[in-house]
N, C-alpha and C. Protein backbone atom coordinates (compact mmCIF):
# COMPACT_ATOMS: atom_id res chain seq x y z
N MET A 1 26.17 20.21 -13.50
CA MET A 1 24.81 20.45 -13.82
C MET A 1 24.46 18.79 -13.80
N PRO A 2 23.18 18.75 -12.88
CA PRO A 2 23.08 16.96 -13.02
C PRO A 2 21.85 16.85 -14.30
N ASN A 3 22.36 15.02 -14.33
CA ASN A 3 22.06 15.09 -16.09
C ASN A 3 20.05 14.46 -15.60
N PRO A 4 19.50 13.89 -16.69
CA PRO A 4 18.56 14.36 -17.22
C PRO A 4 18.21 12.91 -15.81
N ASP A 5 18.36 11.85 -15.74
CA ASP A 5 18.46 10.90 -14.24
C ASP A 5 18.12 11.48 -12.98
N GLU A 6 19.59 11.99 -13.22
CA GLU A 6 18.56 12.61 -11.55
C GLU A 6 18.17 13.81 -10.93
N ILE A 7 17.80 13.98 -11.93
CA ILE A 7 16.96 15.43 -12.10
C ILE A 7 14.83 14.57 -11.40
N ILE A 8 15.23 13.20 -12.12
CA ILE A 8 13.99 12.47 -12.09
C ILE A 8 14.08 12.24 -11.00
N HIS A 9 14.99 10.88 -10.63
CA HIS A 9 14.79 10.72 -9.15
C HIS A 9 14.49 11.86 -8.10
N ARG A 10 15.48 12.57 -7.87
CA ARG A 10 14.72 13.64 -7.30
C ARG A 10 13.27 13.78 -6.73
N GLU A 11 13.12 14.27 -8.36
CA GLU A 11 11.64 14.56 -8.06
C GLU A 11 10.53 13.81 -7.88
N ILE A 12 10.68 12.04 -8.49
CA ILE A 12 10.61 11.29 -7.57
C ILE A 12 10.49 11.15 -6.52
N SER A 13 11.34 11.83 -5.69
CA SER A 13 11.85 11.46 -4.25
C SER A 13 10.78 12.26 -3.58
N ARG A 14 10.69 13.53 -3.92
CA ARG A 14 10.13 14.91 -3.81
C ARG A 14 8.76 14.20 -3.75
N ILE A 15 7.68 14.03 -4.59
CA ILE A 15 6.51 13.78 -4.93
C ILE A 15 6.44 12.66 -3.45
N ASN A 16 6.76 11.54 -3.25
CA ASN A 16 6.70 10.67 -2.51
C ASN A 16 7.24 10.53 -1.17
N SER A 17 7.26 11.98 -0.67
CA SER A 17 7.49 12.33 0.58
C SER A 17 6.31 11.91 1.60
N HIS A 18 5.14 11.57 1.05
CA HIS A 18 4.43 10.91 2.28
C HIS A 18 4.22 9.43 2.09
N LEU A 19 5.17 9.07 1.79
CA LEU A 19 5.46 7.27 1.65
C LEU A 19 6.32 7.46 3.60
N PRO A 20 4.92 5.86 4.03
CA PRO A 20 6.04 6.00 5.43
C PRO A 20 8.15 6.46 5.20
N LYS A 21 7.90 6.30 7.25
CA LYS A 21 9.32 5.49 7.67
C LYS A 21 9.80 4.82 7.08
N ALA A 22 8.53 3.95 7.67
CA ALA A 22 8.54 2.66 7.97
C ALA A 22 7.62 2.58 8.47
N ARG A 23 6.79 1.05 7.99
CA ARG A 23 5.03 0.80 7.90
C ARG A 23 5.73 0.15 9.16
N LYS A 24 4.28 -0.05 9.56
CA LYS A 24 3.96 -1.15 11.05
C LYS A 24 3.01 -1.93 10.71
N THR A 25 2.70 -3.74 10.78
CA THR A 25 2.18 -4.67 11.06
C THR A 25 0.98 -4.32 11.50
N LEU A 26 -0.31 -5.15 10.36
CA LEU A 26 -1.24 -5.30 11.23
C LEU A 26 -2.17 -4.95 12.78
N ALA A 27 -0.44 -6.13 13.06
CA ALA A 27 -1.32 -6.84 14.65
C ALA A 27 -1.03 -5.57 15.34
N ARG A 28 0.26 -5.11 14.73
CA ARG A 28 0.38 -3.76 15.91
C ARG A 28 -0.62 -2.68 15.57
N LEU A 29 -0.59 -2.00 14.69
CA LEU A 29 -1.65 -1.05 14.77
C LEU A 29 -3.25 -0.93 15.52
N MET A 30 -3.34 -2.61 15.34
CA MET A 30 -3.85 -2.93 16.18
C MET A 30 -4.85 -2.46 17.43
N GLU A 31 -3.40 -2.90 17.97
CA GLU A 31 -2.91 -2.97 19.84
C GLU A 31 -3.33 -1.03 20.11
N GLU A 32 -3.24 -0.32 19.23
CA GLU A 32 -2.69 1.49 18.86
C GLU A 32 -4.07 1.84 19.29
N ASP A 33 -3.75 2.36 20.53
CA ASP A 33 -5.43 3.46 20.71
C ASP A 33 -5.47 3.97 20.03
N GLU A 34 -4.40 5.06 19.52
CA GLU A 34 -4.37 5.84 17.64
C GLU A 34 -3.10 5.40 17.34
N PRO A 35 -3.76 4.22 16.12
CA PRO A 35 -2.97 3.80 14.66
C PRO A 35 -2.31 4.81 14.02
N LYS A 36 -1.14 5.45 13.90
CA LYS A 36 0.00 5.66 13.14
C LYS A 36 0.75 5.43 13.07
N ILE A 37 1.84 6.55 11.68
CA ILE A 37 3.15 5.85 11.53
C ILE A 37 3.28 7.29 11.24
N GLN A 38 4.69 7.88 10.84
CA GLN A 38 5.56 9.12 10.51
C GLN A 38 5.46 8.77 8.89
N LEU A 39 5.72 9.43 8.06
CA LEU A 39 5.83 9.73 6.98
C LEU A 39 7.84 10.25 6.83
N ARG A 40 7.93 10.64 5.77
CA ARG A 40 9.10 10.89 5.14
C ARG A 40 9.57 12.35 5.48
N ASP A 41 8.16 13.25 5.67
CA ASP A 41 8.45 14.48 5.33
C ASP A 41 7.79 14.69 6.58
N GLY A 42 8.23 13.92 7.67
CA GLY A 42 8.31 14.15 9.53
C GLY A 42 6.82 14.44 9.86
N SER A 43 5.88 14.47 8.50
CA SER A 43 3.79 14.06 9.56
C SER A 43 3.99 12.71 10.03
N HIS A 44 2.73 13.18 11.05
CA HIS A 44 2.48 11.67 10.77
C HIS A 44 0.95 11.61 10.15
N HIS A 45 0.98 9.87 9.76
CA HIS A 45 -0.55 9.10 8.64
C HIS A 45 -1.23 8.51 10.02
N TYR A 46 -2.72 9.04 10.06
CA TYR A 46 -3.32 7.88 11.09
C TYR A 46 -4.11 6.96 9.78
N PHE A 47 -4.54 5.98 10.86
CA PHE A 47 -5.01 4.58 10.56
C PHE A 47 -6.89 4.84 11.04
N ARG A 48 -7.30 4.52 9.68
CA ARG A 48 -8.71 3.85 10.79
C ARG A 48 -9.15 2.98 11.94
N LYS A 49 -9.99 3.30 12.58
CA LYS A 49 -10.06 1.71 13.15
C LYS A 49 -10.91 1.46 12.47
N SER A 50 -11.92 1.30 11.71
CA SER A 50 -13.15 0.75 10.91
C SER A 50 -11.98 -0.42 9.86
N GLU A 51 -10.81 0.40 9.45
CA GLU A 51 -10.38 0.13 8.43
C GLU A 51 -9.01 -0.82 8.60
N LEU A 52 -8.98 -0.93 9.25
CA LEU A 52 -8.08 -2.11 10.08
C LEU A 52 -8.94 -3.11 10.32
N GLU A 53 -9.92 -3.06 11.31
CA GLU A 53 -11.32 -4.38 11.64
C GLU A 53 -11.10 -4.98 10.40
N LEU A 54 -11.19 -4.34 9.04
CA LEU A 54 -12.23 -5.17 7.77
C LEU A 54 -11.44 -5.35 7.69
N ILE A 55 -10.00 -5.16 7.64
CA ILE A 55 -8.90 -5.99 7.12
C ILE A 55 -8.12 -7.37 7.58
N PHE A 56 -8.58 -7.20 8.60
CA PHE A 56 -8.74 -8.16 9.76
C PHE A 56 -9.27 -9.12 9.41
N THR A 57 -10.61 -8.55 9.15
CA THR A 57 -11.43 -9.76 8.85
C THR A 57 -11.07 -10.78 7.33
N LEU A 58 -10.66 -9.76 6.76
CA LEU A 58 -9.82 -10.27 5.27
C LEU A 58 -8.64 -11.51 5.55
N ILE A 59 -8.25 -11.64 6.03
CA ILE A 59 -6.86 -12.26 6.91
C ILE A 59 -7.16 -13.71 7.24
N GLU A 60 -6.32 -14.26 7.76
CA GLU A 60 -5.91 -14.91 8.68
C GLU A 60 -5.32 -14.74 9.89
N ARG A 61 -6.09 -15.01 11.48
CA ARG A 61 -4.97 -14.23 12.69
C ARG A 61 -3.47 -14.08 12.88
N GLU A 62 -2.76 -15.33 11.98
CA GLU A 62 -0.93 -14.86 11.69
C GLU A 62 -0.80 -14.13 10.82
N GLU A 63 -1.76 -13.90 9.85
CA GLU A 63 -1.10 -12.93 8.68
C GLU A 63 -1.02 -12.05 9.45
N ALA A 64 -2.14 -11.18 10.45
CA ALA A 64 -2.31 -10.27 10.96
C ALA A 64 -0.38 -9.51 11.46
N GLU A 65 0.52 -10.27 11.90
CA GLU A 65 1.77 -9.98 12.20
C GLU A 65 2.51 -9.83 10.75
N SER A 66 2.34 -10.24 9.90
CA SER A 66 3.35 -9.79 8.99
C SER A 66 2.72 -9.11 7.56
N LEU A 67 1.22 -8.41 7.99
CA LEU A 67 0.84 -7.50 6.33
C LEU A 67 1.01 -6.05 7.29
N ARG A 68 2.24 -5.46 6.50
CA ARG A 68 1.94 -4.12 6.97
C ARG A 68 1.92 -3.19 5.98
N LEU A 69 1.36 -1.93 6.64
CA LEU A 69 0.78 -1.11 6.60
C LEU A 69 0.99 0.73 6.46
N PRO A 70 0.35 1.50 5.34
CA PRO A 70 0.08 1.22 4.44
C PRO A 70 0.44 0.11 3.22
N ILE A 71 -0.74 -0.18 2.61
CA ILE A 71 -0.55 -0.87 1.63
C ILE A 71 -0.29 -0.15 0.73
N ILE A 72 0.90 -0.38 -0.51
CA ILE A 72 1.99 0.59 -1.40
C ILE A 72 1.08 -0.06 -2.81
N LEU A 73 0.76 1.02 -3.49
CA LEU A 73 0.30 0.71 -4.39
C LEU A 73 0.82 1.38 -5.93
N GLU A 74 1.89 0.83 -5.84
CA GLU A 74 3.21 1.55 -6.72
C GLU A 74 2.61 1.60 -8.46
N ILE A 75 3.11 2.69 -8.50
CA ILE A 75 2.47 3.25 -10.14
C ILE A 75 3.71 4.19 -10.82
N THR A 76 3.78 3.49 -12.44
CA THR A 76 4.72 3.62 -12.76
C THR A 76 4.60 4.04 -14.25
N ARG A 77 6.12 4.87 -14.63
CA ARG A 77 5.59 5.13 -16.77
C ARG A 77 5.69 3.28 -17.22
N THR A 78 6.00 3.10 -17.08
CA THR A 78 6.72 1.41 -17.50
C THR A 78 5.43 0.68 -17.14
N TRP A 79 4.38 0.44 -16.88
CA TRP A 79 3.28 -0.30 -16.99
C TRP A 79 1.73 1.05 -17.17
N HIS A 80 1.88 1.78 -18.15
CA HIS A 80 1.12 2.47 -18.22
C HIS A 80 -0.36 1.68 -18.24
N GLY A 81 -0.91 2.64 -17.57
CA GLY A 81 -2.87 2.43 -17.48
C GLY A 81 -2.76 1.03 -16.19
N TYR A 82 -1.38 0.75 -15.66
CA TYR A 82 -1.47 -0.56 -14.70
C TYR A 82 -1.23 0.17 -13.48
N PHE A 83 -0.65 -0.87 -11.94
CA PHE A 83 -0.41 -0.46 -11.06
C PHE A 83 -0.09 -1.92 -10.22
N LYS A 84 0.37 -1.49 -9.45
CA LYS A 84 1.09 -2.75 -8.93
C LYS A 84 1.47 -3.23 -7.40
N VAL A 85 1.07 -4.26 -6.77
CA VAL A 85 1.16 -4.37 -5.39
C VAL A 85 1.77 -5.52 -4.88
N ARG A 86 2.67 -5.30 -3.78
CA ARG A 86 3.99 -6.30 -3.68
C ARG A 86 3.96 -7.15 -2.03
N GLY A 87 3.73 -8.62 -2.40
CA GLY A 87 3.51 -8.87 -0.55
C GLY A 87 2.48 -9.92 -1.17
N ARG A 88 2.56 -10.92 -0.25
CA ARG A 88 1.34 -11.90 -0.36
C ARG A 88 0.37 -11.77 0.34
N VAL A 89 0.42 -10.78 1.53
CA VAL A 89 -0.66 -10.94 2.40
C VAL A 89 -1.64 -9.72 1.78
N GLU A 90 -0.80 -8.46 1.31
CA GLU A 90 -0.90 -7.80 0.78
C GLU A 90 -1.31 -7.89 -0.41
N VAL A 91 -1.50 -8.77 -1.32
CA VAL A 91 -1.80 -9.06 -2.90
C VAL A 91 -3.48 -9.60 -2.23
N LYS A 92 -3.20 -10.61 -1.41
CA LYS A 92 -4.75 -10.98 -0.76
C LYS A 92 -5.64 -10.24 -0.40
N VAL A 93 -5.07 -9.17 0.12
CA VAL A 93 -6.14 -8.12 1.31
C VAL A 93 -6.44 -7.28 -0.15
N ILE A 94 -6.06 -6.82 -1.48
CA ILE A 94 -6.67 -6.25 -2.89
C ILE A 94 -7.03 -6.80 -3.56
N GLU A 95 -6.78 -8.25 -3.75
CA GLU A 95 -7.55 -9.20 -4.21
C GLU A 95 -9.02 -9.53 -3.08
N LYS A 96 -9.63 -10.03 -2.32
CA LYS A 96 -10.62 -9.43 -1.84
C LYS A 96 -11.36 -8.24 -2.18
N ILE A 97 -10.68 -7.81 -1.54
CA ILE A 97 -11.61 -6.32 -1.65
C ILE A 97 -12.19 -6.56 -3.29
N LEU A 98 -11.01 -6.55 -4.58
CA LEU A 98 -11.88 -5.97 -5.49
C LEU A 98 -12.40 -7.42 -5.91
N ASP A 99 -13.27 -8.32 -5.13
CA ASP A 99 -13.61 -9.57 -5.76
C ASP A 99 -12.65 -10.73 -6.42
N ARG A 100 -11.08 -11.00 -6.34
CA ARG A 100 -10.62 -11.37 -6.95
C ARG A 100 -9.70 -11.93 -6.50
N TYR A 101 -10.37 -12.74 -5.96
CA TYR A 101 -8.75 -13.53 -4.76
C TYR A 101 -9.79 -15.15 -5.18
N ASP A 102 -8.59 -16.33 -5.52
CA ASP A 102 -8.39 -17.43 -5.66
C ASP A 102 -7.62 -18.09 -4.46
N LEU A 103 -8.52 -18.44 -3.75
CA LEU A 103 -7.59 -19.10 -2.33
C LEU A 103 -6.41 -20.31 -3.45
N LEU A 104 -6.54 -20.80 -4.96
CA LEU A 104 -5.10 -21.90 -5.43
C LEU A 104 -4.64 -21.41 -5.59
N GLU A 105 -4.35 -19.50 -5.55
CA GLU A 105 -3.26 -18.95 -6.51
C GLU A 105 -3.16 -18.03 -5.80
N GLU A 106 -1.99 -18.61 -4.95
CA GLU A 106 -1.74 -17.62 -3.85
C GLU A 106 0.08 -16.93 -4.53
N LYS A 107 -0.53 -15.51 -4.67
CA LYS A 107 0.54 -14.54 -5.42
C LYS A 107 1.40 -13.37 -4.24
N THR A 108 2.20 -13.26 -4.99
CA THR A 108 3.35 -12.06 -4.00
C THR A 108 3.34 -10.87 -4.52
N GLU A 109 3.07 -10.78 -5.40
CA GLU A 109 2.82 -9.76 -6.58
C GLU A 109 1.78 -9.87 -7.42
N VAL A 110 1.19 -8.35 -8.02
CA VAL A 110 0.35 -8.81 -9.19
C VAL A 110 -0.11 -6.83 -9.50
N ILE A 111 0.14 -7.10 -11.08
CA ILE A 111 -0.57 -5.85 -11.75
C ILE A 111 -1.60 -6.18 -12.36
N LEU A 112 -2.48 -4.94 -11.62
CA LEU A 112 -4.08 -4.35 -11.85
C LEU A 112 -3.99 -3.13 -12.71
N PRO A 113 -5.28 -2.72 -13.60
CA PRO A 113 -5.32 -1.91 -14.33
C PRO A 113 -5.77 -0.77 -13.62
N ARG A 114 -4.94 0.26 -13.78
CA ARG A 114 -5.45 1.15 -12.81
C ARG A 114 -7.42 1.25 -12.43
N TYR A 115 -8.02 1.56 -13.95
CA TYR A 115 -9.29 1.84 -13.71
C TYR A 115 -9.69 1.06 -12.23
N LEU A 116 -8.93 0.32 -11.49
CA LEU A 116 -9.03 -0.60 -10.05
C LEU A 116 -9.51 0.27 -8.77
N LEU A 117 -8.33 1.67 -9.31
CA LEU A 117 -7.95 1.69 -8.01
C LEU A 117 -8.98 2.78 -7.14
N PRO A 118 -10.00 3.09 -8.01
CA PRO A 118 -11.22 4.05 -7.19
C PRO A 118 -11.49 3.26 -6.15
N LYS A 119 -11.70 2.27 -6.98
CA LYS A 119 -12.93 1.48 -5.51
C LYS A 119 -11.73 0.60 -4.66
N ILE A 120 -10.45 0.26 -4.74
CA ILE A 120 -9.40 0.11 -3.70
C ILE A 120 -9.29 1.50 -2.63
N ARG A 121 -8.77 2.73 -2.73
CA ARG A 121 -9.00 3.74 -2.03
C ARG A 121 -9.90 4.08 -1.68
N LYS A 122 -11.77 4.28 -1.79
CA LYS A 122 -13.01 4.26 -1.75
C LYS A 122 -12.70 3.22 -0.35
N THR A 123 -12.41 2.26 -0.52
CA THR A 123 -12.85 1.23 0.75
C THR A 123 -11.59 1.58 1.60
N LEU A 124 -10.23 1.60 0.95
CA LEU A 124 -9.02 1.27 1.90
C LEU A 124 -8.36 2.74 2.07
N PRO A 125 -9.01 4.12 2.20
CA PRO A 125 -8.61 6.08 2.51
C PRO A 125 -7.14 5.40 3.30
N THR A 126 -7.05 4.61 4.28
CA THR A 126 -6.14 5.05 5.04
C THR A 126 -4.80 3.60 5.29
N THR A 127 -5.65 2.83 4.60
CA THR A 127 -4.76 1.72 4.77
C THR A 127 -3.57 1.17 3.48
N THR A 128 -4.40 2.17 2.41
CA THR A 128 -3.24 2.15 1.13
C THR A 128 -2.99 3.26 0.85
N THR A 129 -1.61 3.75 0.15
CA THR A 129 -1.27 5.01 -0.34
C THR A 129 -0.53 4.30 -1.95
N TYR A 130 0.01 5.71 -2.49
CA TYR A 130 0.24 5.86 -3.70
C TYR A 130 1.75 5.71 -3.85
N ALA A 131 2.74 4.69 -4.65
CA ALA A 131 4.15 5.53 -4.49
C ALA A 131 4.47 5.62 -6.04
N PHE A 132 5.03 6.71 -6.43
CA PHE A 132 5.54 6.79 -7.82
C PHE A 132 6.99 6.63 -7.94
N VAL A 133 7.14 5.25 -9.18
CA VAL A 133 8.36 4.61 -8.94
C VAL A 133 8.89 4.46 -10.07
N MET A 134 10.24 4.70 -10.38
CA MET A 134 11.11 4.08 -11.64
C MET A 134 11.52 3.45 -11.86
N GLU A 135 11.52 2.75 -13.35
CA GLU A 135 11.65 1.23 -13.40
C GLU A 135 12.87 0.92 -14.49
């Protein structure tokens, strides 16, 4: 019989089947006629060109080569009421959407209150996604 941790890990894996097998850079997605990625469950996720263009205006041209989409919004029990974003350019995009970006403070990850999620998801519904993580 599996132990409780194994059961939890299996369930988290199941609820994260909507995550990408691999993420693509913004630069690559901008070149595609029909920007999309394959998900872990085998289906495809399509990006709105308008969102890709919006994000492109928020970053430096060379950053489009390192920004991988979708941006993952990590949710866990450990940070009750908060979520995490990782990646220098990913954090920059999210902070600019939230009007919290500080040019002098370059971060590679940020923990934000969950009440900000609706603003992010309303602005970037196809270029962000949730991931449920165990820590």
